[in-house]
Amino acid sequence: MTGDTSLLEQVRTKELELKEKEEKARKEAEQIISQAKTAAEQTLVRAREDGSRQAVKRRDEGMAQISEDLKQIRERAAGERTRILENGEGRIAAAAEKILERVAFP
């Protein structure tokens, strides 16, 4: 019987060792998974922040370009307005002269 008990004790000891190894491996796996989740969350946060910064930068660049385009359009419009007014004023004098000629000298 001592041989059987000894063998049973060896089996029981081996089972306990395997359970301890299994528990240790499970805890290590849980820790690795937890670290991976944390790293993934941090990566996601950084990606969102980077995306937000890039969006703001592009928006600001776009607004600056729009402002520049608007400035150029206004400058061209002011030049066109001046040219049209000068051209129109010259024609008003000529038109007034023709009207006077026709009214005064039919």
PDB file of N, CA and C in Angstrom:
ATOM      1  N   MET A   1       0.800  -1.197   0.000  1.00  0.00           N
ATOM      2  CA  MET A   1       0.000   0.000   0.000  1.00  0.00           C
ATOM      3  C   MET A   1       0.841   1.257   0.000  1.00  0.00           C
ATOM      4  N   THR A   2       1.996   1.186   0.601  1.00  0.00           N
ATOM      5  CA  THR A   2       2.821   2.383   0.610  1.00  0.00           C
ATOM      6  C   THR A   2       3.267   2.744  -0.789  1.00  0.00           C
ATOM      7  N   GLY A   3       3.458   1.742  -1.638  1.00  0.00           N
ATOM      8  CA  GLY A   3       3.811   2.014  -3.024  1.00  0.00           C
ATOM      9  C   GLY A   3       2.674   2.703  -3.744  1.00  0.00           C
ATOM     10  N   ASP A   4       1.415   2.253  -3.495  1.00  0.00           N
ATOM     11  CA  ASP A   4       0.247   2.879  -4.116  1.00  0.00           C
ATOM     12  C   ASP A   4       0.067   4.308  -3.620  1.00  0.00           C
ATOM     13  N   THR A   5       0.214   4.495  -2.354  1.00  0.00           N
ATOM     14  CA  THR A   5       0.065   5.831  -1.784  1.00  0.00           C
ATOM     15  C   THR A   5       1.137   6.748  -2.353  1.00  0.00           C
ATOM     16  N   SER A   6       2.292   6.240  -2.447  1.00  0.00           N
ATOM     17  CA  SER A   6       3.383   7.024  -2.998  1.00  0.00           C
ATOM     18  C   SER A   6       3.086   7.412  -4.447  1.00  0.00           C
ATOM     19  N   LEU A   7       2.563   6.469  -5.200  1.00  0.00           N
ATOM     20  CA  LEU A   7       2.212   6.753  -6.590  1.00  0.00           C
ATOM     21  C   LEU A   7       1.064   7.757  -6.655  1.00  0.00           C
ATOM     22  N   LEU A   8       0.067   7.585  -5.787  1.00  0.00           N
ATOM     23  CA  LEU A   8      -1.052   8.535  -5.738  1.00  0.00           C
ATOM     24  C   LEU A   8      -0.564   9.928  -5.337  1.00  0.00           C
ATOM     25  N   GLU A   9       0.328   9.957  -4.391  1.00  0.00           N
ATOM     26  CA  GLU A   9       0.877  11.248  -3.976  1.00  0.00           C
ATOM     27  C   GLU A   9       1.651  11.899  -5.122  1.00  0.00           C
ATOM     28  N   GLN A  10       2.358  11.104  -5.868  1.00  0.00           N
ATOM     29  CA  GLN A  10       3.100  11.641  -7.011  1.00  0.00           C
ATOM     30  C   GLN A  10       2.142  12.210  -8.056  1.00  0.00           C
ATOM     31  N   VAL A  11       1.055  11.475  -8.311  1.00  0.00           N
ATOM     32  CA  VAL A  11       0.048  11.948  -9.274  1.00  0.00           C
ATOM     33  C   VAL A  11      -0.585  13.230  -8.766  1.00  0.00           C
ATOM     34  N   ARG A  12      -0.954  13.235  -7.476  1.00  0.00           N
ATOM     35  CA  ARG A  12      -1.583  14.417  -6.884  1.00  0.00           C
ATOM     36  C   ARG A  12      -0.607  15.606  -6.940  1.00  0.00           C
ATOM     37  N   THR A  13       0.638  15.374  -6.605  1.00  0.00           N
ATOM     38  CA  THR A  13       1.651  16.431  -6.648  1.00  0.00           C
ATOM     39  C   THR A  13       1.799  16.970  -8.071  1.00  0.00           C
ATOM     40  N   LYS A  14       1.838  16.080  -9.023  1.00  0.00           N
ATOM     41  CA  LYS A  14       1.960  16.488 -10.429  1.00  0.00           C
ATOM     42  C   LYS A  14       0.735  17.289 -10.862  1.00  0.00           C
ATOM     43  N   GLU A  15      -0.466  16.848 -10.440  1.00  0.00           N
ATOM     44  CA  GLU A  15      -1.697  17.581 -10.768  1.00  0.00           C
ATOM     45  C   GLU A  15      -1.648  18.988 -10.185  1.00  0.00           C
ATOM     46  N   LEU A  16      -1.198  19.101  -8.937  1.00  0.00           N
ATOM     47  CA  LEU A  16      -1.098  20.417  -8.305  1.00  0.00           C
ATOM     48  C   LEU A  16      -0.095  21.307  -9.048  1.00  0.00           C
ATOM     49  N   GLU A  17       1.027  20.722  -9.437  1.00  0.00           N
ATOM     50  CA  GLU A  17       2.023  21.481 -10.197  1.00  0.00           C
ATOM     51  C   GLU A  17       1.443  21.971 -11.518  1.00  0.00           C
ATOM     52  N   LEU A  18       0.719  21.095 -12.199  1.00  0.00           N
ATOM     53  CA  LEU A  18       0.112  21.474 -13.483  1.00  0.00           C
ATOM     54  C   LEU A  18      -0.951  22.549 -13.297  1.00  0.00           C
ATOM     55  N   LYS A  19      -1.745  22.442 -12.211  1.00  0.00           N
ATOM     56  CA  LYS A  19      -2.765  23.460 -11.942  1.00  0.00           C
ATOM     57  C   LYS A  19      -2.101  24.806 -11.661  1.00  0.00           C
ATOM     58  N   GLU A  20      -0.997  24.782 -10.917  1.00  0.00           N
ATOM     59  CA  GLU A  20      -0.275  26.022 -10.634  1.00  0.00           C
ATOM     60  C   GLU A  20       0.281  26.632 -11.921  1.00  0.00           C
ATOM     61  N   LYS A  21       0.850  25.802 -12.782  1.00  0.00           N
ATOM     62  CA  LYS A  21       1.367  26.285 -14.065  1.00  0.00           C
ATOM     63  C   LYS A  21       0.241  26.849 -14.921  1.00  0.00           C
ATOM     64  N   GLU A  22      -0.893  26.138 -14.916  1.00  0.00           N
ATOM     65  CA  GLU A  22      -2.047  26.598 -15.691  1.00  0.00           C
ATOM     66  C   GLU A  22      -2.521  27.952 -15.171  1.00  0.00           C
ATOM     67  N   GLU A  23      -2.622  28.093 -13.852  1.00  0.00           N
ATOM     68  CA  GLU A  23      -3.068  29.348 -13.250  1.00  0.00           C
ATOM     69  C   GLU A  23      -2.081  30.476 -13.571  1.00  0.00           C
ATOM     70  N   LYS A  24      -0.788  30.168 -13.476  1.00  0.00           N
ATOM     71  CA  LYS A  24       0.237  31.161 -13.792  1.00  0.00           C
ATOM     72  C   LYS A  24       0.142  31.587 -15.258  1.00  0.00           C
ATOM     73  N   ALA A  25      -0.037  30.628 -16.150  1.00  0.00           N
ATOM     74  CA  ALA A  25      -0.163  30.925 -17.582  1.00  0.00           C
ATOM     75  C   ALA A  25      -1.419  31.746 -17.857  1.00  0.00           C
ATOM     76  N   ARG A  26      -2.518  31.428 -17.165  1.00  0.00           N
ATOM     77  CA  ARG A  26      -3.772  32.168 -17.340  1.00  0.00           C
ATOM     78  C   ARG A  26      -3.592  33.618 -16.899  1.00  0.00           C
ATOM     79  N   LYS A  27      -2.943  33.817 -15.743  1.00  0.00           N
ATOM     80  CA  LYS A  27      -2.720  35.176 -15.239  1.00  0.00           C
ATOM     81  C   LYS A  27      -1.807  35.966 -16.183  1.00  0.00           C
ATOM     82  N   GLU A  28      -0.776  35.315 -16.693  1.00  0.00           N
ATOM     83  CA  GLU A  28       0.118  35.980 -17.645  1.00  0.00           C
ATOM     84  C   GLU A  28      -0.634  36.366 -18.915  1.00  0.00           C
ATOM     85  N   ALA A  29      -1.491  35.469 -19.386  1.00  0.00           N
ATOM     86  CA  ALA A  29      -2.280  35.753 -20.589  1.00  0.00           C
ATOM     87  C   ALA A  29      -3.224  36.924 -20.345  1.00  0.00           C
ATOM     88  N   GLU A  30      -3.871  36.950 -19.169  1.00  0.00           N
ATOM     89  CA  GLU A  30      -4.771  38.056 -18.839  1.00  0.00           C
ATOM     90  C   GLU A  30      -3.999  39.377 -18.776  1.00  0.00           C
ATOM     91  N   GLN A  31      -2.793  39.324 -18.213  1.00  0.00           N
ATOM     92  CA  GLN A  31      -1.972  40.529 -18.123  1.00  0.00           C
ATOM     93  C   GLN A  31      -1.562  41.012 -19.517  1.00  0.00           C
ATOM     94  N   ILE A  32      -1.173  40.089 -20.370  1.00  0.00           N
ATOM     95  CA  ILE A  32      -0.792  40.447 -21.743  1.00  0.00           C
ATOM     96  C   ILE A  32      -1.980  41.058 -22.480  1.00  0.00           C
ATOM     97  N   ILE A  33      -3.148  40.453 -22.315  1.00  0.00           N
ATOM     98  CA  ILE A  33      -4.360  40.974 -22.962  1.00  0.00           C
ATOM     99  C   ILE A  33      -4.679  42.365 -22.433  1.00  0.00           C
ATOM    100  N   SER A  34      -4.576  42.546 -21.116  1.00  0.00           N
ATOM    101  CA  SER A  34      -4.848  43.848 -20.512  1.00  0.00           C
ATOM    102  C   SER A  34      -3.879  44.907 -21.037  1.00  0.00           C
ATOM    103  N   GLN A  35      -2.600  44.558 -21.127  1.00  0.00           N
ATOM    104  CA  GLN A  35      -1.606  45.501 -21.646  1.00  0.00           C
ATOM    105  C   GLN A  35      -1.873  45.828 -23.113  1.00  0.00           C
ATOM    106  N   ALA A  36      -2.279  44.832 -23.869  1.00  0.00           N
ATOM    107  CA  ALA A  36      -2.580  45.058 -25.288  1.00  0.00           C
ATOM    108  C   ALA A  36      -3.783  45.981 -25.443  1.00  0.00           C
ATOM    109  N   LYS A  37      -4.805  45.784 -24.596  1.00  0.00           N
ATOM    110  CA  LYS A  37      -5.982  46.658 -24.652  1.00  0.00           C
ATOM    111  C   LYS A  37      -5.596  48.093 -24.306  1.00  0.00           C
ATOM    112  N   THR A  38      -4.783  48.248 -23.269  1.00  0.00           N
ATOM    113  CA  THR A  38      -4.343  49.586 -22.871  1.00  0.00           C
ATOM    114  C   THR A  38      -3.548  50.253 -23.990  1.00  0.00           C
ATOM    115  N   ALA A  39      -2.637  49.505 -24.586  1.00  0.00           N
ATOM    116  CA  ALA A  39      -1.836  50.050 -25.691  1.00  0.00           C
ATOM    117  C   ALA A  39      -2.728  50.428 -26.868  1.00  0.00           C
ATOM    118  N   ALA A  40      -3.713  49.600 -27.166  1.00  0.00           N
ATOM    119  CA  ALA A  40      -4.628  49.886 -28.279  1.00  0.00           C
ATOM    120  C   ALA A  40      -5.446  51.139 -27.993  1.00  0.00           C
ATOM    121  N   GLU A  41      -5.916  51.277 -26.753  1.00  0.00           N
ATOM    122  CA  GLU A  41      -6.687  52.466 -26.388  1.00  0.00           C
ATOM    123  C   GLU A  41      -5.825  53.722 -26.502  1.00  0.00           C
ATOM    124  N   GLN A  42      -4.579  53.635 -26.053  1.00  0.00           N
ATOM    125  CA  GLN A  42      -3.679  54.788 -26.149  1.00  0.00           C
ATOM    126  C   GLN A  42      -3.394  55.141 -27.605  1.00  0.00           C
ATOM    127  N   THR A  43      -3.219  54.132 -28.425  1.00  0.00           N
ATOM    128  CA  THR A  43      -2.989  54.368 -29.855  1.00  0.00           C
ATOM    129  C   THR A  43      -4.205  55.042 -30.477  1.00  0.00           C
ATOM    130  N   LEU A  44      -5.386  54.583 -30.109  1.00  0.00           N
ATOM    131  CA  LEU A  44      -6.618  55.169 -30.632  1.00  0.00           C
ATOM    132  C   LEU A  44      -6.753  56.628 -30.203  1.00  0.00           C
ATOM    133  N   VAL A  45      -6.455  56.908 -28.943  1.00  0.00           N
ATOM    134  CA  VAL A  45      -6.531  58.290 -28.451  1.00  0.00           C
ATOM    135  C   VAL A  45      -5.545  59.175 -29.208  1.00  0.00           C
ATOM    136  N   ARG A  46      -4.316  58.691 -29.377  1.00  0.00           N
ATOM    137  CA  ARG A  46      -3.313  59.475 -30.116  1.00  0.00           C
ATOM    138  C   ARG A  46      -3.747  59.700 -31.562  1.00  0.00           C
ATOM    139  N   ALA A  47      -4.319  58.672 -32.172  1.00  0.00           N
ATOM    140  CA  ALA A  47      -4.769  58.795 -33.564  1.00  0.00           C
ATOM    141  C   ALA A  47      -5.888  59.827 -33.676  1.00  0.00           C
ATOM    142  N   ARG A  48      -6.809  59.802 -32.724  1.00  0.00           N
ATOM    143  CA  ARG A  48      -7.904  60.784 -32.747  1.00  0.00           C
ATOM    144  C   ARG A  48      -7.368  62.200 -32.556  1.00  0.00           C
ATOM    145  N   GLU A  49      -6.444  62.355 -31.608  1.00  0.00           N
ATOM    146  CA  GLU A  49      -5.867  63.680 -31.370  1.00  0.00           C
ATOM    147  C   GLU A  49      -5.107  64.165 -32.599  1.00  0.00           C
ATOM    148  N   ASP A  50      -4.344  63.281 -33.209  1.00  0.00           N
ATOM    149  CA  ASP A  50      -3.591  63.641 -34.411  1.00  0.00           C
ATOM    150  C   ASP A  50      -4.546  64.007 -35.546  1.00  0.00           C
ATOM    151  N   GLY A  51      -5.589  63.220 -35.704  1.00  0.00           N
ATOM    152  CA  GLY A  51      -6.585  63.510 -36.738  1.00  0.00           C
ATOM    153  C   GLY A  51      -7.257  64.850 -36.503  1.00  0.00           C
ATOM    154  N   SER A  52      -7.555  65.133 -35.249  1.00  0.00           N
ATOM    155  CA  SER A  52      -8.184  66.408 -34.915  1.00  0.00           C
ATOM    156  C   SER A  52      -7.245  67.573 -35.225  1.00  0.00           C
ATOM    157  N   ARG A  53      -5.965  67.419 -34.863  1.00  0.00           N
ATOM    158  CA  ARG A  53      -4.995  68.479 -35.163  1.00  0.00           C
ATOM    159  C   ARG A  53      -4.867  68.690 -36.667  1.00  0.00           C
ATOM    160  N   GLN A  54      -4.821  67.611 -37.413  1.00  0.00           N
ATOM    161  CA  GLN A  54      -4.696  67.731 -38.867  1.00  0.00           C
ATOM    162  C   GLN A  54      -5.942  68.379 -39.470  1.00  0.00           C
ATOM    163  N   ALA A  55      -7.107  68.039 -38.931  1.00  0.00           N
ATOM    164  CA  ALA A  55      -8.346  68.636 -39.443  1.00  0.00           C
ATOM    165  C   ALA A  55      -8.359  70.141 -39.188  1.00  0.00           C
ATOM    166  N   VAL A  56      -7.950  70.544 -37.993  1.00  0.00           N
ATOM    167  CA  VAL A  56      -7.900  71.975 -37.666  1.00  0.00           C
ATOM    168  C   VAL A  56      -6.898  72.685 -38.576  1.00  0.00           C
ATOM    169  N   LYS A  57      -5.747  72.053 -38.783  1.00  0.00           N
ATOM    170  CA  LYS A  57      -4.722  72.648 -39.647  1.00  0.00           C
ATOM    171  C   LYS A  57      -5.249  72.819 -41.068  1.00  0.00           C
ATOM    172  N   ARG A  58      -5.883  71.783 -41.598  1.00  0.00           N
ATOM    173  CA  ARG A  58      -6.422  71.879 -42.967  1.00  0.00           C
ATOM    174  C   ARG A  58      -7.526  72.919 -43.057  1.00  0.00           C
ATOM    175  N   ARG A  59      -8.378  72.973 -42.019  1.00  0.00           N
ATOM    176  CA  ARG A  59      -9.442  73.975 -42.019  1.00  0.00           C
ATOM    177  C   ARG A  59      -8.841  75.371 -42.028  1.00  0.00           C
ATOM    178  N   ASP A  60      -7.835  75.588 -41.178  1.00  0.00           N
ATOM    179  CA  ASP A  60      -7.199  76.905 -41.109  1.00  0.00           C
ATOM    180  C   ASP A  60      -6.519  77.260 -42.428  1.00  0.00           C
ATOM    181  N   GLU A  61      -5.848  76.285 -43.035  1.00  0.00           N
ATOM    182  CA  GLU A  61      -5.214  76.527 -44.335  1.00  0.00           C
ATOM    183  C   GLU A  61      -6.270  76.851 -45.389  1.00  0.00           C
ATOM    184  N   GLY A  62      -7.376  76.128 -45.361  1.00  0.00           N
ATOM    185  CA  GLY A  62      -8.460  76.381 -46.311  1.00  0.00           C
ATOM    186  C   GLY A  62      -9.064  77.761 -46.122  1.00  0.00           C
ATOM    187  N   MET A  63      -9.268  78.147 -44.863  1.00  0.00           N
ATOM    188  CA  MET A  63      -9.828  79.470 -44.587  1.00  0.00           C
ATOM    189  C   MET A  63      -8.859  80.568 -45.026  1.00  0.00           C
ATOM    190  N   ALA A  64      -7.566  80.347 -44.824  1.00  0.00           N
ATOM    191  CA  ALA A  64      -6.570  81.333 -45.261  1.00  0.00           C
ATOM    192  C   ALA A  64      -6.599  81.469 -46.781  1.00  0.00           C
ATOM    193  N   GLN A  65      -6.720  80.352 -47.485  1.00  0.00           N
ATOM    194  CA  GLN A  65      -6.781  80.389 -48.946  1.00  0.00           C
ATOM    195  C   GLN A  65      -8.049  81.101 -49.410  1.00  0.00           C
ATOM    196  N   ILE A  66      -9.155  80.812 -48.752  1.00  0.00           N
ATOM    197  CA  ILE A  66     -10.417  81.476 -49.103  1.00  0.00           C
ATOM    198  C   ILE A  66     -10.295  82.978 -48.875  1.00  0.00           C
ATOM    199  N   SER A  67      -9.691  83.373 -47.755  1.00  0.00           N
ATOM    200  CA  SER A  67      -9.508  84.802 -47.473  1.00  0.00           C
ATOM    201  C   SER A  67      -8.646  85.464 -48.540  1.00  0.00           C
ATOM    202  N   GLU A  68      -7.589  84.785 -48.940  1.00  0.00           N
ATOM    203  CA  GLU A  68      -6.706  85.327 -49.983  1.00  0.00           C
ATOM    204  C   GLU A  68      -7.459  85.446 -51.309  1.00  0.00           C
ATOM    205  N   ASP A  69      -8.204  84.400 -51.658  1.00  0.00           N
ATOM    206  CA  ASP A  69      -8.994  84.438 -52.894  1.00  0.00           C
ATOM    207  C   ASP A  69     -10.009  85.572 -52.853  1.00  0.00           C
ATOM    208  N   LEU A  70     -10.665  85.738 -51.717  1.00  0.00           N
ATOM    209  CA  LEU A  70     -11.661  86.797 -51.565  1.00  0.00           C
ATOM    210  C   LEU A  70     -11.010  88.173 -51.701  1.00  0.00           C
ATOM    211  N   LYS A  71      -9.833  88.333 -51.119  1.00  0.00           N
ATOM    212  CA  LYS A  71      -9.105  89.603 -51.227  1.00  0.00           C
ATOM    213  C   LYS A  71      -8.794  89.919 -52.685  1.00  0.00           C
ATOM    214  N   GLN A  72      -8.328  88.916 -53.422  1.00  0.00           N
ATOM    215  CA  GLN A  72      -8.003  89.120 -54.834  1.00  0.00           C
ATOM    216  C   GLN A  72      -9.258  89.452 -55.641  1.00  0.00           C
ATOM    217  N   ILE A  73     -10.349  88.775 -55.351  1.00  0.00           N
ATOM    218  CA  ILE A  73     -11.612  89.052 -56.058  1.00  0.00           C
ATOM    219  C   ILE A  73     -12.055  90.481 -55.784  1.00  0.00           C
ATOM    220  N   ARG A  74     -11.966  90.906 -54.532  1.00  0.00           N
ATOM    221  CA  ARG A  74     -12.370  92.272 -54.187  1.00  0.00           C
ATOM    222  C   ARG A  74     -11.473  93.306 -54.872  1.00  0.00           C
ATOM    223  N   GLU A  75     -10.173  93.016 -54.925  1.00  0.00           N
ATOM    224  CA  GLU A  75      -9.256  93.941 -55.607  1.00  0.00           C
ATOM    225  C   GLU A  75      -9.581  94.038 -57.092  1.00  0.00           C
ATOM    226  N   ARG A  76      -9.846  92.890 -57.725  1.00  0.00           N
ATOM    227  CA  ARG A  76     -10.214  92.913 -59.148  1.00  0.00           C
ATOM    228  C   ARG A  76     -11.537  93.644 -59.352  1.00  0.00           C
ATOM    229  N   ALA A  77     -12.486  93.413 -58.444  1.00  0.00           N
ATOM    230  CA  ALA A  77     -13.790  94.073 -58.558  1.00  0.00           C
ATOM    231  C   ALA A  77     -13.641  95.586 -58.394  1.00  0.00           C
ATOM    232  N   ALA A  78     -12.790  96.008 -57.463  1.00  0.00           N
ATOM    233  CA  ALA A  78     -12.577  97.447 -57.263  1.00  0.00           C
ATOM    234  C   ALA A  78     -11.942  98.065 -58.507  1.00  0.00           C
ATOM    235  N   GLY A  79     -10.971  97.377 -59.094  1.00  0.00           N
ATOM    236  CA  GLY A  79     -10.348  97.867 -60.329  1.00  0.00           C
ATOM    237  C   GLY A  79     -11.352  97.929 -61.464  1.00  0.00           C
ATOM    238  N   GLU A  80     -12.174  96.907 -61.585  1.00  0.00           N
ATOM    239  CA  GLU A  80     -13.206  96.866 -62.628  1.00  0.00           C
ATOM    240  C   GLU A  80     -14.213  97.995 -62.414  1.00  0.00           C
ATOM    241  N   ARG A  81     -14.590  98.220 -61.168  1.00  0.00           N
ATOM    242  CA  ARG A  81     -15.553  99.278 -60.844  1.00  0.00           C
ATOM    243  C   ARG A  81     -14.983 100.643 -61.244  1.00  0.00           C
ATOM    244  N   THR A  82     -13.729 100.866 -60.895  1.00  0.00           N
ATOM    245  CA  THR A  82     -13.089 102.141 -61.242  1.00  0.00           C
ATOM    246  C   THR A  82     -13.050 102.322 -62.755  1.00  0.00           C
ATOM    247  N   ARG A  83     -12.680 101.271 -63.472  1.00  0.00           N
ATOM    248  CA  ARG A  83     -12.610 101.342 -64.930  1.00  0.00           C
ATOM    249  C   ARG A  83     -13.992 101.629 -65.519  1.00  0.00           C
ATOM    250  N   ILE A  84     -15.009 100.943 -65.013  1.00  0.00           N
ATOM    251  CA  ILE A  84     -16.374 101.145 -65.529  1.00  0.00           C
ATOM    252  C   ILE A  84     -16.857 102.559 -65.229  1.00  0.00           C
ATOM    253  N   LEU A  85     -16.583 103.043 -64.011  1.00  0.00           N
ATOM    254  CA  LEU A  85     -17.004 104.411 -63.665  1.00  0.00           C
ATOM    255  C   LEU A  85     -16.319 105.445 -64.552  1.00  0.00           C
ATOM    256  N   GLU A  86     -15.018 105.266 -64.766  1.00  0.00           N
ATOM    257  CA  GLU A  86     -14.297 106.208 -65.630  1.00  0.00           C
ATOM    258  C   GLU A  86     -14.846 106.168 -67.049  1.00  0.00           C
ATOM    259  N   ASN A  87     -15.095 104.966 -67.542  1.00  0.00           N
ATOM    260  CA  ASN A  87     -15.641 104.802 -68.886  1.00  0.00           C
ATOM    261  C   ASN A  87     -17.044 105.403 -68.957  1.00  0.00           C
ATOM    262  N   GLY A  88     -17.837 105.153 -67.912  1.00  0.00           N
ATOM    263  CA  GLY A  88     -19.208 105.668 -67.884  1.00  0.00           C
ATOM    264  C   GLY A  88     -19.253 107.182 -67.797  1.00  0.00           C
ATOM    265  N   GLU A  89     -18.374 107.768 -67.009  1.00  0.00           N
ATOM    266  CA  GLU A  89     -18.351 109.229 -66.875  1.00  0.00           C
ATOM    267  C   GLU A  89     -18.013 109.895 -68.205  1.00  0.00           C
ATOM    268  N   GLY A  90     -17.099 109.310 -68.942  1.00  0.00           N
ATOM    269  CA  GLY A  90     -16.754 109.856 -70.258  1.00  0.00           C
ATOM    270  C   GLY A  90     -17.937 109.750 -71.203  1.00  0.00           C
ATOM    271  N   ARG A  91     -18.680 108.707 -71.150  1.00  0.00           N
ATOM    272  CA  ARG A  91     -19.842 108.533 -72.023  1.00  0.00           C
ATOM    273  C   ARG A  91     -21.000 109.435 -71.610  1.00  0.00           C
ATOM    274  N   ILE A  92     -21.113 109.725 -70.316  1.00  0.00           N
ATOM    275  CA  ILE A  92     -22.192 110.611 -69.861  1.00  0.00           C
ATOM    276  C   ILE A  92     -21.994 112.004 -70.456  1.00  0.00           C
ATOM    277  N   ALA A  93     -20.780 112.469 -70.439  1.00  0.00           N
ATOM    278  CA  ALA A  93     -20.504 113.799 -71.004  1.00  0.00           C
ATOM    279  C   ALA A  93     -20.831 113.816 -72.492  1.00  0.00           C
ATOM    280  N   ALA A  94     -20.448 112.780 -73.219  1.00  0.00           N
ATOM    281  CA  ALA A  94     -20.732 112.710 -74.652  1.00  0.00           C
ATOM    282  C   ALA A  94     -22.232 112.583 -74.887  1.00  0.00           C
ATOM    283  N   ALA A  95     -22.920 111.799 -74.074  1.00  0.00           N
ATOM    284  CA  ALA A  95     -24.372 111.634 -74.230  1.00  0.00           C
ATOM    285  C   ALA A  95     -25.091 112.939 -73.927  1.00  0.00           C
ATOM    286  N   ALA A  96     -24.657 113.635 -72.889  1.00  0.00           N
ATOM    287  CA  ALA A  96     -25.285 114.914 -72.548  1.00  0.00           C
ATOM    288  C   ALA A  96     -25.092 115.911 -73.682  1.00  0.00           C
ATOM    289  N   GLU A  97     -23.942 115.911 -74.293  1.00  0.00           N
ATOM    290  CA  GLU A  97     -23.670 116.811 -75.406  1.00  0.00           C
ATOM    291  C   GLU A  97     -24.579 116.492 -76.584  1.00  0.00           C
ATOM    292  N   LYS A  98     -24.756 115.194 -76.888  1.00  0.00           N
ATOM    293  CA  LYS A  98     -25.624 114.807 -78.004  1.00  0.00           C
ATOM    294  C   LYS A  98     -27.075 115.173 -77.718  1.00  0.00           C
ATOM    295  N   ILE A  99     -27.489 114.996 -76.473  1.00  0.00           N
ATOM    296  CA  ILE A  99     -28.875 115.352 -76.115  1.00  0.00           C
ATOM    297  C   ILE A  99     -29.080 116.849 -76.291  1.00  0.00           C
ATOM    298  N   LEU A 100     -28.144 117.634 -75.827  1.00  0.00           N
ATOM    299  CA  LEU A 100     -28.255 119.086 -75.973  1.00  0.00           C
ATOM    300  C   LEU A 100     -28.289 119.491 -77.438  1.00  0.00           C
ATOM    301  N   GLU A 101     -27.472 118.856 -78.267  1.00  0.00           N
ATOM    302  CA  GLU A 101     -27.458 119.174 -79.691  1.00  0.00           C
ATOM    303  C   GLU A 101     -28.813 118.887 -80.311  1.00  0.00           C
ATOM    304  N   ARG A 102     -29.405 117.778 -79.970  1.00  0.00           N
ATOM    305  CA  ARG A 102     -30.677 117.402 -80.589  1.00  0.00           C
ATOM    306  C   ARG A 102     -31.834 118.235 -80.064  1.00  0.00           C
ATOM    307  N   VAL A 103     -31.739 118.582 -78.775  1.00  0.00           N
ATOM    308  CA  VAL A 103     -32.833 119.373 -78.206  1.00  0.00           C
ATOM    309  C   VAL A 103     -32.691 120.841 -78.624  1.00  0.00           C
ATOM    310  N   ALA A 104     -31.485 121.351 -78.525  1.00  0.00           N
ATOM    311  CA  ALA A 104     -31.266 122.767 -78.816  1.00  0.00           C
ATOM    312  C   ALA A 104     -31.245 123.034 -80.313  1.00  0.00           C
ATOM    313  N   PHE A 105     -30.723 122.114 -81.080  1.00  0.00           N
ATOM    314  CA  PHE A 105     -30.606 122.307 -82.524  1.00  0.00           C
ATOM    315  C   PHE A 105     -31.285 121.161 -83.262  1.00  0.00           C
ATOM    316  N   PRO A 106     -32.579 121.164 -83.292  1.00  0.00           N
ATOM    317  CA  PRO A 106     -33.290 120.051 -83.944  1.00  0.00           C
ATOM    318  C   PRO A 106     -33.089 119.957 -85.409  1.00  0.00           C
TER     319      PRO A 106
END
